[in-house]
Amino acid sequence: HLPTPVLWQEYVPLRALLPHVAALAHHGGIGTTAEALRAGTPQLVVPLAHDQFDNAARVRALGVGNSLRATRLTPGRLRRRLAGIVGNQEMAETCRRVAAISSPADLAPLCERLATLVS
């Protein structure tokens, strides 16, 4: 049973939803991660398999969110991590800057930062 402010849905079109939420908790699939980046929505990634762990690391490295291992997931930890994300003005500004990237030329500084993070 979920508390009153929490709404569970089978399917939600992320492009319609994300501009209106304070943060997004998700498994770290590349599609969801990319949509949150596009919308400028801070993310809490709880990876389960495959590329999700790498995507979680990149979300943290870019400063657009945080992650939590599924094996450590509890309601209290989820609540604290989300509160830390929602209240983080620096992260919100980073999310806005990433969302504002609109052309390949705008990607150059971001690509350079990513290259230094993975090397």
PDB file of N, CA and C in Angstrom:
ATOM      1  N   HIS A   1       0.843  -1.183   0.000  1.00  0.00           N
ATOM      2  CA  HIS A   1       0.000   0.000   0.000  1.00  0.00           C
ATOM      3  C   HIS A   1       0.885   1.241   0.000  1.00  0.00           C
ATOM      4  N   LEU A   2       0.611   2.165  -0.895  1.00  0.00           N
ATOM      5  CA  LEU A   2       1.431   3.374  -1.046  1.00  0.00           C
ATOM      6  C   LEU A   2       0.803   4.558  -0.319  1.00  0.00           C
ATOM      7  N   PRO A   3       1.637   5.449   0.224  1.00  0.00           N
ATOM      8  CA  PRO A   3       1.085   6.645   0.873  1.00  0.00           C
ATOM      9  C   PRO A   3       0.360   7.535  -0.130  1.00  0.00           C
ATOM     10  N   THR A   4      -0.524   8.364   0.359  1.00  0.00           N
ATOM     11  CA  THR A   4      -1.384   9.206  -0.466  1.00  0.00           C
ATOM     12  C   THR A   4      -0.667   9.996  -1.557  1.00  0.00           C
ATOM     13  N   PRO A   5       0.485  10.637  -1.317  1.00  0.00           N
ATOM     14  CA  PRO A   5       1.069  11.423  -2.409  1.00  0.00           C
ATOM     15  C   PRO A   5       1.743  10.585  -3.492  1.00  0.00           C
ATOM     16  N   VAL A   6       1.838   9.265  -3.299  1.00  0.00           N
ATOM     17  CA  VAL A   6       2.511   8.398  -4.267  1.00  0.00           C
ATOM     18  C   VAL A   6       1.468   7.754  -5.169  1.00  0.00           C
ATOM     19  N   LEU A   7       1.705   7.824  -6.464  1.00  0.00           N
ATOM     20  CA  LEU A   7       0.787   7.246  -7.442  1.00  0.00           C
ATOM     21  C   LEU A   7       1.528   6.203  -8.263  1.00  0.00           C
ATOM     22  N   TRP A   8       1.019   4.986  -8.311  1.00  0.00           N
ATOM     23  CA  TRP A   8       1.615   3.924  -9.117  1.00  0.00           C
ATOM     24  C   TRP A   8       0.785   3.765 -10.385  1.00  0.00           C
ATOM     25  N   GLN A   9       1.475   3.672 -11.524  1.00  0.00           N
ATOM     26  CA  GLN A   9       0.808   3.495 -12.810  1.00  0.00           C
ATOM     27  C   GLN A   9       1.505   2.396 -13.598  1.00  0.00           C
ATOM     28  N   GLU A  10       0.748   1.642 -14.361  1.00  0.00           N
ATOM     29  CA  GLU A  10       1.307   0.598 -15.228  1.00  0.00           C
ATOM     30  C   GLU A  10       2.198   1.216 -16.304  1.00  0.00           C
ATOM     31  N   TYR A  11       1.737   2.311 -16.905  1.00  0.00           N
ATOM     32  CA  TYR A  11       2.500   2.978 -17.967  1.00  0.00           C
ATOM     33  C   TYR A  11       2.285   4.483 -17.873  1.00  0.00           C
ATOM     34  N   VAL A  12       3.348   5.216 -18.075  1.00  0.00           N
ATOM     35  CA  VAL A  12       3.277   6.678 -18.085  1.00  0.00           C
ATOM     36  C   VAL A  12       4.161   7.183 -19.219  1.00  0.00           C
ATOM     37  N   PRO A  13       3.643   8.038 -20.109  1.00  0.00           N
ATOM     38  CA  PRO A  13       4.504   8.629 -21.135  1.00  0.00           C
ATOM     39  C   PRO A  13       5.459   9.627 -20.467  1.00  0.00           C
ATOM     40  N   LEU A  14       6.724   9.261 -20.389  1.00  0.00           N
ATOM     41  CA  LEU A  14       7.693  10.060 -19.640  1.00  0.00           C
ATOM     42  C   LEU A  14       7.823  11.487 -20.149  1.00  0.00           C
ATOM     43  N   ARG A  15       7.741  11.683 -21.448  1.00  0.00           N
ATOM     44  CA  ARG A  15       7.878  13.053 -21.976  1.00  0.00           C
ATOM     45  C   ARG A  15       6.775  13.968 -21.461  1.00  0.00           C
ATOM     46  N   ALA A  16       5.624  13.412 -21.186  1.00  0.00           N
ATOM     47  CA  ALA A  16       4.525  14.213 -20.639  1.00  0.00           C
ATOM     48  C   ALA A  16       4.676  14.414 -19.131  1.00  0.00           C
ATOM     49  N   LEU A  17       5.220  13.431 -18.444  1.00  0.00           N
ATOM     50  CA  LEU A  17       5.292  13.460 -16.988  1.00  0.00           C
ATOM     51  C   LEU A  17       6.509  14.203 -16.432  1.00  0.00           C
ATOM     52  N   LEU A  18       7.684  13.924 -16.982  1.00  0.00           N
ATOM     53  CA  LEU A  18       8.932  14.376 -16.362  1.00  0.00           C
ATOM     54  C   LEU A  18       9.074  15.881 -16.163  1.00  0.00           C
ATOM     55  N   PRO A  19       8.566  16.719 -17.049  1.00  0.00           N
ATOM     56  CA  PRO A  19       8.697  18.161 -16.780  1.00  0.00           C
ATOM     57  C   PRO A  19       7.941  18.632 -15.530  1.00  0.00           C
ATOM     58  N   HIS A  20       7.101  17.763 -14.955  1.00  0.00           N
ATOM     59  CA  HIS A  20       6.252  18.163 -13.834  1.00  0.00           C
ATOM     60  C   HIS A  20       6.610  17.492 -12.512  1.00  0.00           C
ATOM     61  N   VAL A  21       7.707  16.738 -12.466  1.00  0.00           N
ATOM     62  CA  VAL A  21       8.073  16.042 -11.235  1.00  0.00           C
ATOM     63  C   VAL A  21       9.375  16.602 -10.672  1.00  0.00           C
ATOM     64  N   ALA A  22       9.558  16.445  -9.374  1.00  0.00           N
ATOM     65  CA  ALA A  22      10.767  16.939  -8.708  1.00  0.00           C
ATOM     66  C   ALA A  22      11.939  15.991  -8.886  1.00  0.00           C
ATOM     67  N   ALA A  23      11.654  14.698  -9.070  1.00  0.00           N
ATOM     68  CA  ALA A  23      12.707  13.694  -9.251  1.00  0.00           C
ATOM     69  C   ALA A  23      12.072  12.422  -9.787  1.00  0.00           C
ATOM     70  N   LEU A  24      12.927  11.541 -10.314  1.00  0.00           N
ATOM     71  CA  LEU A  24      12.465  10.266 -10.856  1.00  0.00           C
ATOM     72  C   LEU A  24      13.319   9.151 -10.280  1.00  0.00           C
ATOM     73  N   ALA A  25      12.678   8.156  -9.671  1.00  0.00           N
ATOM     74  CA  ALA A  25      13.360   6.941  -9.226  1.00  0.00           C
ATOM     75  C   ALA A  25      13.057   5.861 -10.259  1.00  0.00           C
ATOM     76  N   HIS A  26      14.127   5.209 -10.761  1.00  0.00           N
ATOM     77  CA  HIS A  26      13.930   4.195 -11.797  1.00  0.00           C
ATOM     78  C   HIS A  26      15.084   3.201 -11.798  1.00  0.00           C
ATOM     79  N   HIS A  27      14.992   2.188 -12.641  1.00  0.00           N
ATOM     80  CA  HIS A  27      15.958   1.088 -12.673  1.00  0.00           C
ATOM     81  C   HIS A  27      17.233   1.399 -13.451  1.00  0.00           C
ATOM     82  N   GLY A  28      17.254   2.460 -14.210  1.00  0.00           N
ATOM     83  CA  GLY A  28      18.473   2.840 -14.912  1.00  0.00           C
ATOM     84  C   GLY A  28      18.584   2.368 -16.340  1.00  0.00           C
ATOM     85  N   GLY A  29      17.476   1.980 -16.938  1.00  0.00           N
ATOM     86  CA  GLY A  29      17.507   1.648 -18.358  1.00  0.00           C
ATOM     87  C   GLY A  29      17.878   2.884 -19.164  1.00  0.00           C
ATOM     88  N   ILE A  30      18.506   2.681 -20.300  1.00  0.00           N
ATOM     89  CA  ILE A  30      19.013   3.815 -21.069  1.00  0.00           C
ATOM     90  C   ILE A  30      17.890   4.719 -21.574  1.00  0.00           C
ATOM     91  N   GLY A  31      16.739   4.161 -21.925  1.00  0.00           N
ATOM     92  CA  GLY A  31      15.630   4.988 -22.404  1.00  0.00           C
ATOM     93  C   GLY A  31      15.103   5.922 -21.330  1.00  0.00           C
ATOM     94  N   THR A  32      14.877   5.394 -20.145  1.00  0.00           N
ATOM     95  CA  THR A  32      14.391   6.211 -19.035  1.00  0.00           C
ATOM     96  C   THR A  32      15.440   7.234 -18.619  1.00  0.00           C
ATOM     97  N   THR A  33      16.699   6.802 -18.559  1.00  0.00           N
ATOM     98  CA  THR A  33      17.792   7.713 -18.209  1.00  0.00           C
ATOM     99  C   THR A  33      17.864   8.867 -19.201  1.00  0.00           C
ATOM    100  N   ALA A  34      17.790   8.551 -20.488  1.00  0.00           N
ATOM    101  CA  ALA A  34      17.865   9.582 -21.529  1.00  0.00           C
ATOM    102  C   ALA A  34      16.680  10.542 -21.456  1.00  0.00           C
ATOM    103  N   GLU A  35      15.490  10.027 -21.218  1.00  0.00           N
ATOM    104  CA  GLU A  35      14.314  10.899 -21.118  1.00  0.00           C
ATOM    105  C   GLU A  35      14.434  11.845 -19.928  1.00  0.00           C
ATOM    106  N   ALA A  36      14.956  11.362 -18.808  1.00  0.00           N
ATOM    107  CA  ALA A  36      15.139  12.226 -17.641  1.00  0.00           C
ATOM    108  C   ALA A  36      16.198  13.291 -17.922  1.00  0.00           C
ATOM    109  N   LEU A  37      17.277  12.913 -18.617  1.00  0.00           N
ATOM    110  CA  LEU A  37      18.292  13.895 -19.003  1.00  0.00           C
ATOM    111  C   LEU A  37      17.677  14.968 -19.893  1.00  0.00           C
ATOM    112  N   ARG A  38      16.890  14.535 -20.877  1.00  0.00           N
ATOM    113  CA  ARG A  38      16.253  15.454 -21.824  1.00  0.00           C
ATOM    114  C   ARG A  38      15.317  16.435 -21.110  1.00  0.00           C
ATOM    115  N   ALA A  39      14.604  15.927 -20.089  1.00  0.00           N
ATOM    116  CA  ALA A  39      13.630  16.751 -19.371  1.00  0.00           C
ATOM    117  C   ALA A  39      14.263  17.605 -18.274  1.00  0.00           C
ATOM    118  N   GLY A  40      15.516  17.317 -17.923  1.00  0.00           N
ATOM    119  CA  GLY A  40      16.148  18.044 -16.828  1.00  0.00           C
ATOM    120  C   GLY A  40      15.655  17.604 -15.466  1.00  0.00           C
ATOM    121  N   THR A  41      15.279  16.341 -15.360  1.00  0.00           N
ATOM    122  CA  THR A  41      14.739  15.796 -14.119  1.00  0.00           C
ATOM    123  C   THR A  41      15.823  15.064 -13.334  1.00  0.00           C
ATOM    124  N   PRO A  42      16.061  15.428 -12.080  1.00  0.00           N
ATOM    125  CA  PRO A  42      17.021  14.692 -11.259  1.00  0.00           C
ATOM    126  C   PRO A  42      16.584  13.232 -11.091  1.00  0.00           C
ATOM    127  N   GLN A  43      17.584  12.338 -11.011  1.00  0.00           N
ATOM    128  CA  GLN A  43      17.302  10.908 -11.023  1.00  0.00           C
ATOM    129  C   GLN A  43      17.875  10.182  -9.809  1.00  0.00           C
ATOM    130  N   LEU A  44      17.128   9.196  -9.338  1.00  0.00           N
ATOM    131  CA  LEU A  44      17.637   8.211  -8.393  1.00  0.00           C
ATOM    132  C   LEU A  44      17.565   6.875  -9.112  1.00  0.00           C
ATOM    133  N   VAL A  45      18.722   6.309  -9.402  1.00  0.00           N
ATOM    134  CA  VAL A  45      18.791   5.063 -10.161  1.00  0.00           C
ATOM    135  C   VAL A  45      19.017   3.900  -9.198  1.00  0.00           C
ATOM    136  N   VAL A  46      18.163   2.881  -9.319  1.00  0.00           N
ATOM    137  CA  VAL A  46      18.292   1.644  -8.547  1.00  0.00           C
ATOM    138  C   VAL A  46      18.520   0.525  -9.564  1.00  0.00           C
ATOM    139  N   PRO A  47      19.786   0.320  -9.968  1.00  0.00           N
ATOM    140  CA  PRO A  47      20.074  -0.633 -11.046  1.00  0.00           C
ATOM    141  C   PRO A  47      19.870  -2.079 -10.604  1.00  0.00           C
ATOM    142  N   LEU A  48      19.436  -2.894 -11.572  1.00  0.00           N
ATOM    143  CA  LEU A  48      19.195  -4.311 -11.310  1.00  0.00           C
ATOM    144  C   LEU A  48      20.067  -5.220 -12.167  1.00  0.00           C
ATOM    145  N   ALA A  49      20.377  -4.816 -13.400  1.00  0.00           N
ATOM    146  CA  ALA A  49      21.113  -5.708 -14.306  1.00  0.00           C
ATOM    147  C   ALA A  49      21.691  -4.928 -15.483  1.00  0.00           C
ATOM    148  N   HIS A  50      22.550  -5.615 -16.220  1.00  0.00           N
ATOM    149  CA  HIS A  50      23.088  -5.163 -17.508  1.00  0.00           C
ATOM    150  C   HIS A  50      23.697  -3.764 -17.444  1.00  0.00           C
ATOM    151  N   ASP A  51      23.313  -2.906 -18.389  1.00  0.00           N
ATOM    152  CA  ASP A  51      23.902  -1.568 -18.490  1.00  0.00           C
ATOM    153  C   ASP A  51      23.412  -0.609 -17.412  1.00  0.00           C
ATOM    154  N   GLN A  52      22.463  -1.034 -16.616  1.00  0.00           N
ATOM    155  CA  GLN A  52      21.877  -0.148 -15.613  1.00  0.00           C
ATOM    156  C   GLN A  52      22.908   0.327 -14.588  1.00  0.00           C
ATOM    157  N   PHE A  53      23.868  -0.524 -14.240  1.00  0.00           N
ATOM    158  CA  PHE A  53      24.900  -0.132 -13.275  1.00  0.00           C
ATOM    159  C   PHE A  53      25.794   0.959 -13.865  1.00  0.00           C
ATOM    160  N   ASP A  54      26.144   0.799 -15.128  1.00  0.00           N
ATOM    161  CA  ASP A  54      26.956   1.808 -15.809  1.00  0.00           C
ATOM    162  C   ASP A  54      26.176   3.114 -15.953  1.00  0.00           C
ATOM    163  N   ASN A  55      24.909   3.016 -16.299  1.00  0.00           N
ATOM    164  CA  ASN A  55      24.080   4.219 -16.418  1.00  0.00           C
ATOM    165  C   ASN A  55      23.968   4.938 -15.076  1.00  0.00           C
ATOM    166  N   ALA A  56      23.843   4.178 -13.990  1.00  0.00           N
ATOM    167  CA  ALA A  56      23.782   4.779 -12.650  1.00  0.00           C
ATOM    168  C   ALA A  56      25.074   5.527 -12.341  1.00  0.00           C
ATOM    169  N   ALA A  57      26.206   4.921 -12.690  1.00  0.00           N
ATOM    170  CA  ALA A  57      27.502   5.568 -12.454  1.00  0.00           C
ATOM    171  C   ALA A  57      27.617   6.856 -13.259  1.00  0.00           C
ATOM    172  N   ARG A  58      27.117   6.853 -14.469  1.00  0.00           N
ATOM    173  CA  ARG A  58      27.185   8.051 -15.316  1.00  0.00           C
ATOM    174  C   ARG A  58      26.260   9.152 -14.803  1.00  0.00           C
ATOM    175  N   VAL A  59      25.095   8.772 -14.316  1.00  0.00           N
ATOM    176  CA  VAL A  59      24.179   9.755 -13.725  1.00  0.00           C
ATOM    177  C   VAL A  59      24.861  10.440 -12.541  1.00  0.00           C
ATOM    178  N   ARG A  60      25.507   9.650 -11.689  1.00  0.00           N
ATOM    179  CA  ARG A  60      26.235  10.230 -10.545  1.00  0.00           C
ATOM    180  C   ARG A  60      27.384  11.115 -11.021  1.00  0.00           C
ATOM    181  N   ALA A  61      28.173  10.608 -11.974  1.00  0.00           N
ATOM    182  CA  ALA A  61      29.348  11.350 -12.454  1.00  0.00           C
ATOM    183  C   ALA A  61      28.963  12.680 -13.100  1.00  0.00           C
ATOM    184  N   LEU A  62      27.843  12.703 -13.791  1.00  0.00           N
ATOM    185  CA  LEU A  62      27.379  13.946 -14.423  1.00  0.00           C
ATOM    186  C   LEU A  62      26.785  14.925 -13.413  1.00  0.00           C
ATOM    187  N   GLY A  63      26.474  14.437 -12.226  1.00  0.00           N
ATOM    188  CA  GLY A  63      25.883  15.309 -11.216  1.00  0.00           C
ATOM    189  C   GLY A  63      24.400  15.533 -11.397  1.00  0.00           C
ATOM    190  N   VAL A  64      23.727  14.618 -12.112  1.00  0.00           N
ATOM    191  CA  VAL A  64      22.295  14.773 -12.375  1.00  0.00           C
ATOM    192  C   VAL A  64      21.445  13.801 -11.555  1.00  0.00           C
ATOM    193  N   GLY A  65      22.064  13.146 -10.591  1.00  0.00           N
ATOM    194  CA  GLY A  65      21.321  12.220  -9.762  1.00  0.00           C
ATOM    195  C   GLY A  65      22.227  11.416  -8.863  1.00  0.00           C
ATOM    196  N   ASN A  66      21.636  10.400  -8.267  1.00  0.00           N
ATOM    197  CA  ASN A  66      22.340   9.517  -7.356  1.00  0.00           C
ATOM    198  C   ASN A  66      21.852   8.103  -7.628  1.00  0.00           C
ATOM    199  N   SER A  67      22.428   7.142  -6.922  1.00  0.00           N
ATOM    200  CA  SER A  67      21.987   5.766  -7.100  1.00  0.00           C
ATOM    201  C   SER A  67      21.927   5.067  -5.754  1.00  0.00           C
ATOM    202  N   LEU A  68      21.272   3.936  -5.761  1.00  0.00           N
ATOM    203  CA  LEU A  68      21.122   3.114  -4.568  1.00  0.00           C
ATOM    204  C   LEU A  68      21.074   1.669  -5.025  1.00  0.00           C
ATOM    205  N   ARG A  69      21.932   0.831  -4.446  1.00  0.00           N
ATOM    206  CA  ARG A  69      21.912  -0.585  -4.819  1.00  0.00           C
ATOM    207  C   ARG A  69      20.590  -1.210  -4.391  1.00  0.00           C
ATOM    208  N   ALA A  70      20.037  -2.041  -5.239  1.00  0.00           N
ATOM    209  CA  ALA A  70      18.759  -2.692  -4.944  1.00  0.00           C
ATOM    210  C   ALA A  70      18.848  -3.523  -3.670  1.00  0.00           C
ATOM    211  N   THR A  71      20.014  -4.103  -3.410  1.00  0.00           N
ATOM    212  CA  THR A  71      20.183  -4.921  -2.206  1.00  0.00           C
ATOM    213  C   THR A  71      20.145  -4.078  -0.935  1.00  0.00           C
ATOM    214  N   ARG A  72      20.279  -2.767  -1.059  1.00  0.00           N
ATOM    215  CA  ARG A  72      20.246  -1.871   0.101  1.00  0.00           C
ATOM    216  C   ARG A  72      18.963  -1.028   0.138  1.00  0.00           C
ATOM    217  N   LEU A  73      18.046  -1.328  -0.760  1.00  0.00           N
ATOM    218  CA  LEU A  73      16.818  -0.544  -0.876  1.00  0.00           C
ATOM    219  C   LEU A  73      15.868  -0.834   0.286  1.00  0.00           C
ATOM    220  N   THR A  74      15.538   0.208   1.010  1.00  0.00           N
ATOM    221  CA  THR A  74      14.509   0.163   2.053  1.00  0.00           C
ATOM    222  C   THR A  74      13.676   1.431   1.894  1.00  0.00           C
ATOM    223  N   PRO A  75      12.480   1.461   2.441  1.00  0.00           N
ATOM    224  CA  PRO A  75      11.691   2.694   2.348  1.00  0.00           C
ATOM    225  C   PRO A  75      12.429   3.906   2.918  1.00  0.00           C
ATOM    226  N   GLY A  76      13.119   3.728   4.034  1.00  0.00           N
ATOM    227  CA  GLY A  76      13.842   4.841   4.645  1.00  0.00           C
ATOM    228  C   GLY A  76      14.984   5.338   3.778  1.00  0.00           C
ATOM    229  N   ARG A  77      15.767   4.417   3.226  1.00  0.00           N
ATOM    230  CA  ARG A  77      16.878   4.821   2.356  1.00  0.00           C
ATOM    231  C   ARG A  77      16.361   5.500   1.094  1.00  0.00           C
ATOM    232  N   LEU A  78      15.294   4.950   0.525  1.00  0.00           N
ATOM    233  CA  LEU A  78      14.700   5.557  -0.666  1.00  0.00           C
ATOM    234  C   LEU A  78      14.244   6.983  -0.356  1.00  0.00           C
ATOM    235  N   ARG A  79      13.573   7.147   0.758  1.00  0.00           N
ATOM    236  CA  ARG A  79      13.074   8.468   1.161  1.00  0.00           C
ATOM    237  C   ARG A  79      14.234   9.451   1.369  1.00  0.00           C
ATOM    238  N   ARG A  80      15.299   9.008   2.054  1.00  0.00           N
ATOM    239  CA  ARG A  80      16.440   9.896   2.304  1.00  0.00           C
ATOM    240  C   ARG A  80      17.162  10.267   1.012  1.00  0.00           C
ATOM    241  N   ARG A  81      17.369   9.295   0.130  1.00  0.00           N
ATOM    242  CA  ARG A  81      18.053   9.601  -1.135  1.00  0.00           C
ATOM    243  C   ARG A  81      17.230  10.563  -1.979  1.00  0.00           C
ATOM    244  N   LEU A  82      15.923  10.325  -2.053  1.00  0.00           N
ATOM    245  CA  LEU A  82      15.078  11.232  -2.830  1.00  0.00           C
ATOM    246  C   LEU A  82      15.058  12.629  -2.215  1.00  0.00           C
ATOM    247  N   ALA A  83      15.009  12.713  -0.896  1.00  0.00           N
ATOM    248  CA  ALA A  83      15.021  14.023  -0.234  1.00  0.00           C
ATOM    249  C   ALA A  83      16.324  14.760  -0.539  1.00  0.00           C
ATOM    250  N   GLY A  84      17.433  14.038  -0.572  1.00  0.00           N
ATOM    251  CA  GLY A  84      18.715  14.653  -0.894  1.00  0.00           C
ATOM    252  C   GLY A  84      18.793  15.143  -2.324  1.00  0.00           C
ATOM    253  N   ILE A  85      18.090  14.466  -3.207  1.00  0.00           N
ATOM    254  CA  ILE A  85      18.067  14.865  -4.615  1.00  0.00           C
ATOM    255  C   ILE A  85      17.144  16.069  -4.809  1.00  0.00           C
ATOM    256  N   VAL A  86      15.958  15.989  -4.262  1.00  0.00           N
ATOM    257  CA  VAL A  86      14.972  17.057  -4.440  1.00  0.00           C
ATOM    258  C   VAL A  86      15.468  18.367  -3.828  1.00  0.00           C
ATOM    259  N   GLY A  87      16.192  18.302  -2.729  1.00  0.00           N
ATOM    260  CA  GLY A  87      16.669  19.511  -2.069  1.00  0.00           C
ATOM    261  C   GLY A  87      18.011  20.026  -2.558  1.00  0.00           C
ATOM    262  N   ASN A  88      18.563  19.431  -3.600  1.00  0.00           N
ATOM    263  CA  ASN A  88      19.909  19.771  -4.062  1.00  0.00           C
ATOM    264  C   ASN A  88      19.840  20.762  -5.226  1.00  0.00           C
ATOM    265  N   GLN A  89      20.067  22.040  -4.926  1.00  0.00           N
ATOM    266  CA  GLN A  89      19.964  23.082  -5.956  1.00  0.00           C
ATOM    267  C   GLN A  89      21.065  22.980  -7.003  1.00  0.00           C
ATOM    268  N   GLU A  90      22.257  22.573  -6.594  1.00  0.00           N
ATOM    269  CA  GLU A  90      23.352  22.405  -7.556  1.00  0.00           C
ATOM    270  C   GLU A  90      23.006  21.309  -8.568  1.00  0.00           C
ATOM    271  N   MET A  91      22.427  20.212  -8.090  1.00  0.00           N
ATOM    272  CA  MET A  91      22.018  19.137  -8.983  1.00  0.00           C
ATOM    273  C   MET A  91      20.911  19.609  -9.923  1.00  0.00           C
ATOM    274  N   ALA A  92      19.966  20.374  -9.400  1.00  0.00           N
ATOM    275  CA  ALA A  92      18.881  20.892 -10.235  1.00  0.00           C
ATOM    276  C   ALA A  92      19.433  21.766 -11.355  1.00  0.00           C
ATOM    277  N   GLU A  93      20.416  22.597 -11.035  1.00  0.00           N
ATOM    278  CA  GLU A  93      21.026  23.458 -12.052  1.00  0.00           C
ATOM    279  C   GLU A  93      21.780  22.626 -13.084  1.00  0.00           C
ATOM    280  N   THR A  94      22.485  21.607 -12.647  1.00  0.00           N
ATOM    281  CA  THR A  94      23.189  20.724 -13.584  1.00  0.00           C
ATOM    282  C   THR A  94      22.191  20.039 -14.508  1.00  0.00           C
ATOM    283  N   CYS A  95      21.080  19.587 -13.962  1.00  0.00           N
ATOM    284  CA  CYS A  95      20.041  18.954 -14.785  1.00  0.00           C
ATOM    285  C   CYS A  95      19.510  19.926 -15.830  1.00  0.00           C
ATOM    286  N   ARG A  96      19.297  21.172 -15.442  1.00  0.00           N
ATOM    287  CA  ARG A  96      18.813  22.182 -16.399  1.00  0.00           C
ATOM    288  C   ARG A  96      19.842  22.418 -17.502  1.00  0.00           C
ATOM    289  N   ARG A  97      21.126  22.477 -17.134  1.00  0.00           N
ATOM    290  CA  ARG A  97      22.175  22.687 -18.142  1.00  0.00           C
ATOM    291  C   ARG A  97      22.244  21.511 -19.113  1.00  0.00           C
ATOM    292  N   VAL A  98      22.150  20.299 -18.612  1.00  0.00           N
ATOM    293  CA  VAL A  98      22.195  19.126 -19.491  1.00  0.00           C
ATOM    294  C   VAL A  98      20.978  19.125 -20.410  1.00  0.00           C
ATOM    295  N   ALA A  99      19.808  19.450 -19.879  1.00  0.00           N
ATOM    296  CA  ALA A  99      18.592  19.472 -20.695  1.00  0.00           C
ATOM    297  C   ALA A  99      18.645  20.545 -21.772  1.00  0.00           C
ATOM    298  N   ALA A 100      19.398  21.605 -21.532  1.00  0.00           N
ATOM    299  CA  ALA A 100      19.473  22.714 -22.489  1.00  0.00           C
ATOM    300  C   ALA A 100      20.386  22.417 -23.670  1.00  0.00           C
ATOM    301  N   ILE A 101      21.127  21.337 -23.607  1.00  0.00           N
ATOM    302  CA  ILE A 101      22.015  20.984 -24.722  1.00  0.00           C
ATOM    303  C   ILE A 101      21.143  20.666 -25.927  1.00  0.00           C
ATOM    304  N   SER A 102      21.332  21.429 -26.999  1.00  0.00           N
ATOM    305  CA  SER A 102      20.414  21.285 -28.127  1.00  0.00           C
ATOM    306  C   SER A 102      21.083  21.010 -29.461  1.00  0.00           C
ATOM    307  N   SER A 103      22.402  21.046 -29.527  1.00  0.00           N
ATOM    308  CA  SER A 103      23.057  20.796 -30.805  1.00  0.00           C
ATOM    309  C   SER A 103      24.339  20.008 -30.571  1.00  0.00           C
ATOM    310  N   PRO A 104      24.859  19.365 -31.621  1.00  0.00           N
ATOM    311  CA  PRO A 104      26.113  18.618 -31.463  1.00  0.00           C
ATOM    312  C   PRO A 104      27.250  19.475 -30.917  1.00  0.00           C
ATOM    313  N   ALA A 105      27.301  20.752 -31.286  1.00  0.00           N
ATOM    314  CA  ALA A 105      28.358  21.629 -30.776  1.00  0.00           C
ATOM    315  C   ALA A 105      28.243  21.793 -29.262  1.00  0.00           C
ATOM    316  N   ASP A 106      27.019  21.796 -28.758  1.00  0.00           N
ATOM    317  CA  ASP A 106      26.808  21.909 -27.317  1.00  0.00           C
ATOM    318  C   ASP A 106      27.284  20.667 -26.571  1.00  0.00           C
ATOM    319  N   LEU A 107      27.383  19.555 -27.279  1.00  0.00           N
ATOM    320  CA  LEU A 107      27.779  18.302 -26.647  1.00  0.00           C
ATOM    321  C   LEU A 107      29.276  18.196 -26.391  1.00  0.00           C
ATOM    322  N   ALA A 108      30.094  18.987 -27.065  1.00  0.00           N
ATOM    323  CA  ALA A 108      31.551  18.850 -26.954  1.00  0.00           C
ATOM    324  C   ALA A 108      32.052  18.917 -25.512  1.00  0.00           C
ATOM    325  N   PRO A 109      31.685  19.928 -24.718  1.00  0.00           N
ATOM    326  CA  PRO A 109      32.182  19.956 -23.338  1.00  0.00           C
ATOM    327  C   PRO A 109      31.707  18.755 -22.516  1.00  0.00           C
ATOM    328  N   LEU A 110      30.472  18.333 -22.743  1.00  0.00           N
ATOM    329  CA  LEU A 110      29.944  17.178 -22.026  1.00  0.00           C
ATOM    330  C   LEU A 110      30.700  15.914 -22.418  1.00  0.00           C
ATOM    331  N   CYS A 111      30.976  15.746 -23.703  1.00  0.00           N
ATOM    332  CA  CYS A 111      31.737  14.580 -24.172  1.00  0.00           C
ATOM    333  C   CYS A 111      33.144  14.573 -23.588  1.00  0.00           C
ATOM    334  N   GLU A 112      33.762  15.744 -23.513  1.00  0.00           N
ATOM    335  CA  GLU A 112      35.099  15.831 -22.924  1.00  0.00           C
ATOM    336  C   GLU A 112      35.068  15.437 -21.454  1.00  0.00           C
ATOM    337  N   ARG A 113      34.054  15.882 -20.740  1.00  0.00           N
ATOM    338  CA  ARG A 113      33.931  15.516 -19.322  1.00  0.00           C
ATOM    339  C   ARG A 113      33.715  14.016 -19.173  1.00  0.00           C
ATOM    340  N   LEU A 114      32.841  13.448 -20.006  1.00  0.00           N
ATOM    341  CA  LEU A 114      32.612  12.004 -19.962  1.00  0.00           C
ATOM    342  C   LEU A 114      33.882  11.232 -20.277  1.00  0.00           C
ATOM    343  N   ALA A 115      34.654  11.704 -21.255  1.00  0.00           N
ATOM    344  CA  ALA A 115      35.891  11.022 -21.631  1.00  0.00           C
ATOM    345  C   ALA A 115      36.873  10.991 -20.468  1.00  0.00           C
ATOM    346  N   THR A 116      36.951  12.076 -19.713  1.00  0.00           N
ATOM    347  CA  THR A 116      37.866  12.079 -18.565  1.00  0.00           C
ATOM    348  C   THR A 116      37.363  11.172 -17.452  1.00  0.00           C
ATOM    349  N   LEU A 117      36.061  11.023 -17.343  1.00  0.00           N
ATOM    350  CA  LEU A 117      35.498  10.161 -16.306  1.00  0.00           C
ATOM    351  C   LEU A 117      35.720   8.683 -16.591  1.00  0.00           C
ATOM    352  N   VAL A 118      35.690   8.303 -17.849  1.00  0.00           N
ATOM    353  CA  VAL A 118      35.825   6.883 -18.192  1.00  0.00           C
ATOM    354  C   VAL A 118      37.259   6.469 -18.463  1.00  0.00           C
ATOM    355  N   SER A 119      38.175   7.433 -18.569  1.00  0.00           N
ATOM    356  CA  SER A 119      39.567   7.049 -18.848  1.00  0.00           C
ATOM    357  C   SER A 119      40.379   6.907 -17.578  1.00  0.00           C
TER     358      SER A 119
END
